[in-house]
């Protein structure tokens, strides 16, 4: 909380506490723009229905960037 009349705190893209989460429509807009302007594809694996294609994309991502960091959902 700021003192009345004091200067506003500097804004930064690194200040994640003040920005709301990106919504699904906003993400789709960002994906479309990045594809059209830069040729970069952003896909959600669960959206790919063909199992062979999904596995091929996952294999390529692991080859390039390593395995994903999975959340521990089993309480371990």
PDB file of N, CA and C in Angstrom:
ATOM      1  N   UNK A   1       0.846  -1.172   0.000  1.00  0.00           N
ATOM      2  CA  UNK A   1       0.000   0.000   0.000  1.00  0.00           C
ATOM      3  C   UNK A   1       0.892   1.235   0.000  1.00  0.00           C
ATOM      4  N   UNK A   2       0.581   2.208  -0.834  1.00  0.00           N
ATOM      5  CA  UNK A   2       1.383   3.418  -0.969  1.00  0.00           C
ATOM      6  C   UNK A   2       0.825   4.540  -0.105  1.00  0.00           C
ATOM      7  N   UNK A   3       1.705   5.424   0.263  1.00  0.00           N
ATOM      8  CA  UNK A   3       1.299   6.608   1.018  1.00  0.00           C
ATOM      9  C   UNK A   3       0.641   7.578   0.045  1.00  0.00           C
ATOM     10  N   UNK A   4      -0.498   8.184   0.416  1.00  0.00           N
ATOM     11  CA  UNK A   4      -1.156   9.131  -0.496  1.00  0.00           C
ATOM     12  C   UNK A   4      -0.209  10.264  -0.893  1.00  0.00           C
ATOM     13  N   UNK A   5      -0.166  10.559  -2.196  1.00  0.00           N
ATOM     14  CA  UNK A   5       0.677  11.618  -2.718  1.00  0.00           C
ATOM     15  C   UNK A   5       2.086  11.170  -3.057  1.00  0.00           C
ATOM     16  N   UNK A   6       2.443   9.939  -2.701  1.00  0.00           N
ATOM     17  CA  UNK A   6       3.797   9.458  -3.009  1.00  0.00           C
ATOM     18  C   UNK A   6       3.859   9.015  -4.465  1.00  0.00           C
ATOM     19  N   UNK A   7       5.063   8.937  -5.027  1.00  0.00           N
ATOM     20  CA  UNK A   7       5.191   8.469  -6.411  1.00  0.00           C
ATOM     21  C   UNK A   7       4.722   7.024  -6.543  1.00  0.00           C
ATOM     22  N   UNK A   8       4.221   6.698  -7.714  1.00  0.00           N
ATOM     23  CA  UNK A   8       3.788   5.328  -7.959  1.00  0.00           C
ATOM     24  C   UNK A   8       4.999   4.424  -8.103  1.00  0.00           C
ATOM     25  N   UNK A   9       4.816   3.166  -7.692  1.00  0.00           N
ATOM     26  CA  UNK A   9       5.902   2.197  -7.821  1.00  0.00           C
ATOM     27  C   UNK A   9       6.201   1.953  -9.289  1.00  0.00           C
ATOM     28  N   UNK A  10       7.470   1.707  -9.642  1.00  0.00           N
ATOM     29  CA  UNK A  10       7.792   1.405 -11.040  1.00  0.00           C
ATOM     30  C   UNK A  10       7.101   0.130 -11.495  1.00  0.00           C
ATOM     31  N   UNK A  11       6.676   0.107 -12.738  1.00  0.00           N
ATOM     32  CA  UNK A  11       6.031  -1.068 -13.301  1.00  0.00           C
ATOM     33  C   UNK A  11       7.072  -1.899 -14.042  1.00  0.00           C
ATOM     34  N   UNK A  12       6.911  -3.182 -13.966  1.00  0.00           N
ATOM     35  CA  UNK A  12       7.840  -4.084 -14.622  1.00  0.00           C
ATOM     36  C   UNK A  12       7.095  -5.310 -15.120  1.00  0.00           C
ATOM     37  N   UNK A  13       7.549  -5.862 -16.243  1.00  0.00           N
ATOM     38  CA  UNK A  13       6.950  -7.088 -16.749  1.00  0.00           C
ATOM     39  C   UNK A  13       7.296  -8.267 -15.834  1.00  0.00           C
ATOM     40  N   UNK A  14       8.268  -8.077 -14.958  1.00  0.00           N
ATOM     41  CA  UNK A  14       8.651  -9.142 -14.034  1.00  0.00           C
ATOM     42  C   UNK A  14       7.791  -9.162 -12.782  1.00  0.00           C
ATOM     43  N   UNK A  15       6.978  -8.139 -12.587  1.00  0.00           N
ATOM     44  CA  UNK A  15       6.117  -8.070 -11.421  1.00  0.00           C
ATOM     45  C   UNK A  15       4.864  -8.879 -11.693  1.00  0.00           C
ATOM     46  N   UNK A  16       4.913 -10.153 -11.395  1.00  0.00           N
ATOM     47  CA  UNK A  16       3.817 -11.060 -11.731  1.00  0.00           C
ATOM     48  C   UNK A  16       2.662 -10.987 -10.745  1.00  0.00           C
ATOM     49  N   UNK A  17       2.851 -10.345  -9.629  1.00  0.00           N
ATOM     50  CA  UNK A  17       1.814 -10.317  -8.620  1.00  0.00           C
ATOM     51  C   UNK A  17       0.645  -9.407  -8.945  1.00  0.00           C
ATOM     52  N   UNK A  18       0.800  -8.500  -9.893  1.00  0.00           N
ATOM     53  CA  UNK A  18      -0.252  -7.535 -10.167  1.00  0.00           C
ATOM     54  C   UNK A  18      -1.047  -7.853 -11.424  1.00  0.00           C
ATOM     55  N   UNK A  19      -0.613  -8.808 -12.210  1.00  0.00           N
ATOM     56  CA  UNK A  19      -1.288  -9.117 -13.469  1.00  0.00           C
ATOM     57  C   UNK A  19      -2.118 -10.379 -13.311  1.00  0.00           C
ATOM     58  N   UNK A  20      -3.301 -10.354 -13.871  1.00  0.00           N
ATOM     59  CA  UNK A  20      -4.158 -11.531 -13.804  1.00  0.00           C
ATOM     60  C   UNK A  20      -3.658 -12.586 -14.797  1.00  0.00           C
ATOM     61  N   UNK A  21      -4.074 -13.814 -14.589  1.00  0.00           N
ATOM     62  CA  UNK A  21      -3.672 -14.907 -15.466  1.00  0.00           C
ATOM     63  C   UNK A  21      -4.237 -14.697 -16.871  1.00  0.00           C
ATOM     64  N   UNK A  22      -3.511 -15.186 -17.859  1.00  0.00           N
ATOM     65  CA  UNK A  22      -3.954 -15.082 -19.241  1.00  0.00           C
ATOM     66  C   UNK A  22      -5.117 -16.041 -19.475  1.00  0.00           C
ATOM     67  N   UNK A  23      -6.168 -15.526 -20.088  1.00  0.00           N
ATOM     68  CA  UNK A  23      -7.345 -16.353 -20.343  1.00  0.00           C
ATOM     69  C   UNK A  23      -7.135 -17.201 -21.597  1.00  0.00           C
ATOM     70  N   UNK A  24      -7.983 -18.210 -21.773  1.00  0.00           N
ATOM     71  CA  UNK A  24      -7.885 -19.087 -22.944  1.00  0.00           C
ATOM     72  C   UNK A  24      -8.038 -18.316 -24.255  1.00  0.00           C
ATOM     73  N   UNK A  25      -9.023 -17.414 -24.389  1.00  0.00           N
ATOM     74  CA  UNK A  25      -9.113 -16.647 -25.645  1.00  0.00           C
ATOM     75  C   UNK A  25      -7.882 -15.771 -25.892  1.00  0.00           C
ATOM     76  N   UNK A  26      -7.309 -15.205 -24.832  1.00  0.00           N
ATOM     77  CA  UNK A  26      -6.094 -14.399 -24.994  1.00  0.00           C
ATOM     78  C   UNK A  26      -4.929 -15.264 -25.474  1.00  0.00           C
ATOM     79  N   UNK A  27      -4.808 -16.494 -24.943  1.00  0.00           N
ATOM     80  CA  UNK A  27      -3.745 -17.397 -25.377  1.00  0.00           C
ATOM     81  C   UNK A  27      -3.919 -17.763 -26.845  1.00  0.00           C
ATOM     82  N   UNK A  28      -5.142 -18.025 -27.266  1.00  0.00           N
ATOM     83  CA  UNK A  28      -5.382 -18.360 -28.668  1.00  0.00           C
ATOM     84  C   UNK A  28      -5.009 -17.193 -29.574  1.00  0.00           C
ATOM     85  N   UNK A  29      -5.317 -15.980 -29.146  1.00  0.00           N
ATOM     86  CA  UNK A  29      -4.945 -14.792 -29.920  1.00  0.00           C
ATOM     87  C   UNK A  29      -3.431 -14.669 -30.014  1.00  0.00           C
ATOM     88  N   UNK A  30      -2.740 -14.892 -28.901  1.00  0.00           N
ATOM     89  CA  UNK A  30      -1.276 -14.828 -28.904  1.00  0.00           C
ATOM     90  C   UNK A  30      -0.682 -15.904 -29.811  1.00  0.00           C
ATOM     91  N   UNK A  31      -1.221 -17.128 -29.738  1.00  0.00           N
ATOM     92  CA  UNK A  31      -0.719 -18.213 -30.588  1.00  0.00           C
ATOM     93  C   UNK A  31      -0.899 -17.880 -32.068  1.00  0.00           C
ATOM     94  N   UNK A  32      -2.070 -17.339 -32.411  1.00  0.00           N
ATOM     95  CA  UNK A  32      -2.346 -16.971 -33.807  1.00  0.00           C
ATOM     96  C   UNK A  32      -1.365 -15.905 -34.293  1.00  0.00           C
ATOM     97  N   UNK A  33      -1.164 -14.885 -33.464  1.00  0.00           N
ATOM     98  CA  UNK A  33      -0.278 -13.785 -33.850  1.00  0.00           C
ATOM     99  C   UNK A  33       1.168 -14.258 -34.025  1.00  0.00           C
ATOM    100  N   UNK A  34       1.649 -15.086 -33.097  1.00  0.00           N
ATOM    101  CA  UNK A  34       3.024 -15.585 -33.182  1.00  0.00           C
ATOM    102  C   UNK A  34       3.193 -16.458 -34.422  1.00  0.00           C
ATOM    103  N   UNK A  35       2.203 -17.286 -34.725  1.00  0.00           N
ATOM    104  CA  UNK A  35       2.268 -18.119 -35.920  1.00  0.00           C
ATOM    105  C   UNK A  35       2.319 -17.256 -37.182  1.00  0.00           C
ATOM    106  N   UNK A  36       1.415 -16.273 -37.285  1.00  0.00           N
ATOM    107  CA  UNK A  36       1.330 -15.461 -38.490  1.00  0.00           C
ATOM    108  C   UNK A  36       2.533 -14.551 -38.665  1.00  0.00           C
ATOM    109  N   UNK A  37       3.060 -14.003 -37.592  1.00  0.00           N
ATOM    110  CA  UNK A  37       4.139 -13.030 -37.697  1.00  0.00           C
ATOM    111  C   UNK A  37       5.532 -13.654 -37.651  1.00  0.00           C
ATOM    112  N   UNK A  38       5.691 -14.757 -36.905  1.00  0.00           N
ATOM    113  CA  UNK A  38       7.030 -15.301 -36.702  1.00  0.00           C
ATOM    114  C   UNK A  38       7.195 -16.746 -37.129  1.00  0.00           C
ATOM    115  N   UNK A  39       6.089 -17.417 -37.476  1.00  0.00           N
ATOM    116  CA  UNK A  39       6.176 -18.807 -37.907  1.00  0.00           C
ATOM    117  C   UNK A  39       6.429 -19.775 -36.765  1.00  0.00           C
ATOM    118  N   UNK A  40       6.105 -19.372 -35.547  1.00  0.00           N
ATOM    119  CA  UNK A  40       6.301 -20.226 -34.374  1.00  0.00           C
ATOM    120  C   UNK A  40       4.960 -20.862 -34.007  1.00  0.00           C
ATOM    121  N   UNK A  41       4.970 -22.179 -33.768  1.00  0.00           N
ATOM    122  CA  UNK A  41       3.757 -22.905 -33.433  1.00  0.00           C
ATOM    123  C   UNK A  41       3.741 -23.208 -31.940  1.00  0.00           C
ATOM    124  N   UNK A  42       2.619 -22.950 -31.304  1.00  0.00           N
ATOM    125  CA  UNK A  42       2.423 -23.283 -29.896  1.00  0.00           C
ATOM    126  C   UNK A  42       1.193 -24.168 -29.800  1.00  0.00           C
ATOM    127  N   UNK A  43       1.415 -25.434 -29.439  1.00  0.00           N
ATOM    128  CA  UNK A  43       0.322 -26.394 -29.370  1.00  0.00           C
ATOM    129  C   UNK A  43       0.209 -26.960 -27.965  1.00  0.00           C
ATOM    130  N   UNK A  44      -0.997 -27.213 -27.531  1.00  0.00           N
ATOM    131  CA  UNK A  44      -1.251 -27.894 -26.272  1.00  0.00           C
ATOM    132  C   UNK A  44      -1.387 -29.369 -26.612  1.00  0.00           C
ATOM    133  N   UNK A  45      -0.532 -30.223 -26.039  1.00  0.00           N
ATOM    134  CA  UNK A  45      -0.535 -31.636 -26.412  1.00  0.00           C
ATOM    135  C   UNK A  45      -1.899 -32.292 -26.277  1.00  0.00           C
ATOM    136  N   UNK A  46      -2.638 -31.921 -25.250  1.00  0.00           N
ATOM    137  CA  UNK A  46      -3.944 -32.539 -25.036  1.00  0.00           C
ATOM    138  C   UNK A  46      -4.951 -32.168 -26.127  1.00  0.00           C
ATOM    139  N   UNK A  47      -4.671 -31.111 -26.902  1.00  0.00           N
ATOM    140  CA  UNK A  47      -5.572 -30.715 -27.988  1.00  0.00           C
ATOM    141  C   UNK A  47      -5.353 -31.523 -29.259  1.00  0.00           C
ATOM    142  N   UNK A  48      -4.258 -32.270 -29.338  1.00  0.00           N
ATOM    143  CA  UNK A  48      -3.953 -33.073 -30.523  1.00  0.00           C
ATOM    144  C   UNK A  48      -4.602 -34.443 -30.348  1.00  0.00           C
ATOM    145  N   UNK A  49      -5.560 -34.758 -31.224  1.00  0.00           N
ATOM    146  CA  UNK A  49      -6.348 -35.987 -31.059  1.00  0.00           C
ATOM    147  C   UNK A  49      -5.693 -37.221 -31.676  1.00  0.00           C
ATOM    148  N   UNK A  50      -4.846 -37.052 -32.656  1.00  0.00           N
ATOM    149  CA  UNK A  50      -4.176 -38.196 -33.294  1.00  0.00           C
ATOM    150  C   UNK A  50      -3.028 -38.653 -32.386  1.00  0.00           C
ATOM    151  N   UNK A  51      -3.105 -39.874 -31.839  1.00  0.00           N
ATOM    152  CA  UNK A  51      -2.074 -40.331 -30.900  1.00  0.00           C
ATOM    153  C   UNK A  51      -0.674 -40.391 -31.514  1.00  0.00           C
ATOM    154  N   UNK A  52      -0.564 -40.790 -32.765  1.00  0.00           N
ATOM    155  CA  UNK A  52       0.744 -40.879 -33.406  1.00  0.00           C
ATOM    156  C   UNK A  52       1.359 -39.493 -33.551  1.00  0.00           C
ATOM    157  N   UNK A  53       0.575 -38.530 -34.014  1.00  0.00           N
ATOM    158  CA  UNK A  53       1.061 -37.164 -34.182  1.00  0.00           C
ATOM    159  C   UNK A  53       1.421 -36.534 -32.839  1.00  0.00           C
ATOM    160  N   UNK A  54       0.579 -36.748 -31.821  1.00  0.00           N
ATOM    161  CA  UNK A  54       0.844 -36.211 -30.490  1.00  0.00           C
ATOM    162  C   UNK A  54       2.172 -36.743 -29.956  1.00  0.00           C
ATOM    163  N   UNK A  55       2.415 -38.056 -30.119  1.00  0.00           N
ATOM    164  CA  UNK A  55       3.664 -38.650 -29.621  1.00  0.00           C
ATOM    165  C   UNK A  55       4.861 -38.133 -30.403  1.00  0.00           C
ATOM    166  N   UNK A  56       4.711 -37.958 -31.717  1.00  0.00           N
ATOM    167  CA  UNK A  56       5.809 -37.440 -32.532  1.00  0.00           C
ATOM    168  C   UNK A  56       6.193 -36.022 -32.102  1.00  0.00           C
ATOM    169  N   UNK A  57       5.199 -35.189 -31.843  1.00  0.00           N
ATOM    170  CA  UNK A  57       5.464 -33.816 -31.396  1.00  0.00           C
ATOM    171  C   UNK A  57       6.110 -33.818 -30.020  1.00  0.00           C
ATOM    172  N   UNK A  58       5.619 -34.660 -29.128  1.00  0.00           N
ATOM    173  CA  UNK A  58       6.190 -34.748 -27.784  1.00  0.00           C
ATOM    174  C   UNK A  58       7.640 -35.237 -27.857  1.00  0.00           C
ATOM    175  N   UNK A  59       7.916 -36.235 -28.693  1.00  0.00           N
ATOM    176  CA  UNK A  59       9.280 -36.739 -28.844  1.00  0.00           C
ATOM    177  C   UNK A  59      10.228 -35.649 -29.333  1.00  0.00           C
ATOM    178  N   UNK A  60       9.778 -34.864 -30.297  1.00  0.00           N
ATOM    179  CA  UNK A  60      10.633 -33.778 -30.821  1.00  0.00           C
ATOM    180  C   UNK A  60      10.891 -32.721 -29.762  1.00  0.00           C
ATOM    181  N   UNK A  61       9.870 -32.371 -28.982  1.00  0.00           N
ATOM    182  CA  UNK A  61      10.044 -31.376 -27.918  1.00  0.00           C
ATOM    183  C   UNK A  61      11.028 -31.880 -26.862  1.00  0.00           C
ATOM    184  N   UNK A  62      10.916 -33.147 -26.491  1.00  0.00           N
ATOM    185  CA  UNK A  62      11.847 -33.716 -25.504  1.00  0.00           C
ATOM    186  C   UNK A  62      13.256 -33.754 -26.078  1.00  0.00           C
ATOM    187  N   UNK A  63      13.391 -34.097 -27.340  1.00  0.00           N
ATOM    188  CA  UNK A  63      14.717 -34.126 -27.975  1.00  0.00           C
ATOM    189  C   UNK A  63      15.374 -32.751 -27.957  1.00  0.00           C
ATOM    190  N   UNK A  64      14.578 -31.713 -28.245  1.00  0.00           N
ATOM    191  CA  UNK A  64      15.132 -30.353 -28.310  1.00  0.00           C
ATOM    192  C   UNK A  64      15.357 -29.721 -26.949  1.00  0.00           C
ATOM    193  N   UNK A  65      14.389 -29.854 -26.040  1.00  0.00           N
ATOM    194  CA  UNK A  65      14.406 -29.069 -24.808  1.00  0.00           C
ATOM    195  C   UNK A  65      14.445 -29.897 -23.536  1.00  0.00           C
ATOM    196  N   UNK A  66      14.420 -31.217 -23.649  1.00  0.00           N
ATOM    197  CA  UNK A  66      14.448 -32.066 -22.468  1.00  0.00           C
ATOM    198  C   UNK A  66      13.053 -32.370 -21.964  1.00  0.00           C
ATOM    199  N   UNK A  67      12.965 -33.268 -20.982  1.00  0.00           N
ATOM    200  CA  UNK A  67      11.647 -33.656 -20.464  1.00  0.00           C
ATOM    201  C   UNK A  67      10.975 -32.530 -19.703  1.00  0.00           C
ATOM    202  N   UNK A  68       9.654 -32.599 -19.652  1.00  0.00           N
ATOM    203  CA  UNK A  68       8.864 -31.591 -18.946  1.00  0.00           C
ATOM    204  C   UNK A  68       8.988 -31.796 -17.442  1.00  0.00           C
ATOM    205  N   UNK A  69       8.796 -30.719 -16.699  1.00  0.00           N
ATOM    206  CA  UNK A  69       8.745 -30.781 -15.254  1.00  0.00           C
ATOM    207  C   UNK A  69       7.297 -31.041 -14.863  1.00  0.00           C
ATOM    208  N   UNK A  70       6.981 -32.238 -14.456  1.00  0.00           N
ATOM    209  CA  UNK A  70       5.612 -32.619 -14.122  1.00  0.00           C
ATOM    210  C   UNK A  70       5.306 -32.248 -12.676  1.00  0.00           C
ATOM    211  N   UNK A  71       4.072 -31.825 -12.443  1.00  0.00           N
ATOM    212  CA  UNK A  71       3.615 -31.589 -11.075  1.00  0.00           C
ATOM    213  C   UNK A  71       3.434 -32.934 -10.393  1.00  0.00           C
ATOM    214  N   UNK A  72       3.756 -32.980  -9.130  1.00  0.00           N
ATOM    215  CA  UNK A  72       3.548 -34.216  -8.373  1.00  0.00           C
ATOM    216  C   UNK A  72       2.116 -34.219  -7.866  1.00  0.00           C
ATOM    217  N   UNK A  73       1.300 -35.074  -8.446  1.00  0.00           N
ATOM    218  CA  UNK A  73      -0.107 -35.132  -8.074  1.00  0.00           C
ATOM    219  C   UNK A  73      -0.428 -36.334  -7.202  1.00  0.00           C
ATOM    220  N   UNK A  74       0.601 -37.147  -6.896  1.00  0.00           N
ATOM    221  CA  UNK A  74       0.367 -38.361  -6.127  1.00  0.00           C
ATOM    222  C   UNK A  74       0.713 -38.191  -4.644  1.00  0.00           C
ATOM    223  N   UNK A  75       1.002 -36.978  -4.226  1.00  0.00           N
ATOM    224  CA  UNK A  75       1.282 -36.721  -2.822  1.00  0.00           C
ATOM    225  C   UNK A  75       2.640 -37.205  -2.367  1.00  0.00           C
ATOM    226  N   UNK A  76       3.535 -37.442  -3.287  1.00  0.00           N
ATOM    227  CA  UNK A  76       4.882 -37.907  -2.923  1.00  0.00           C
ATOM    228  C   UNK A  76       5.845 -36.759  -2.825  1.00  0.00           C
TER     229      UNK A  76
END
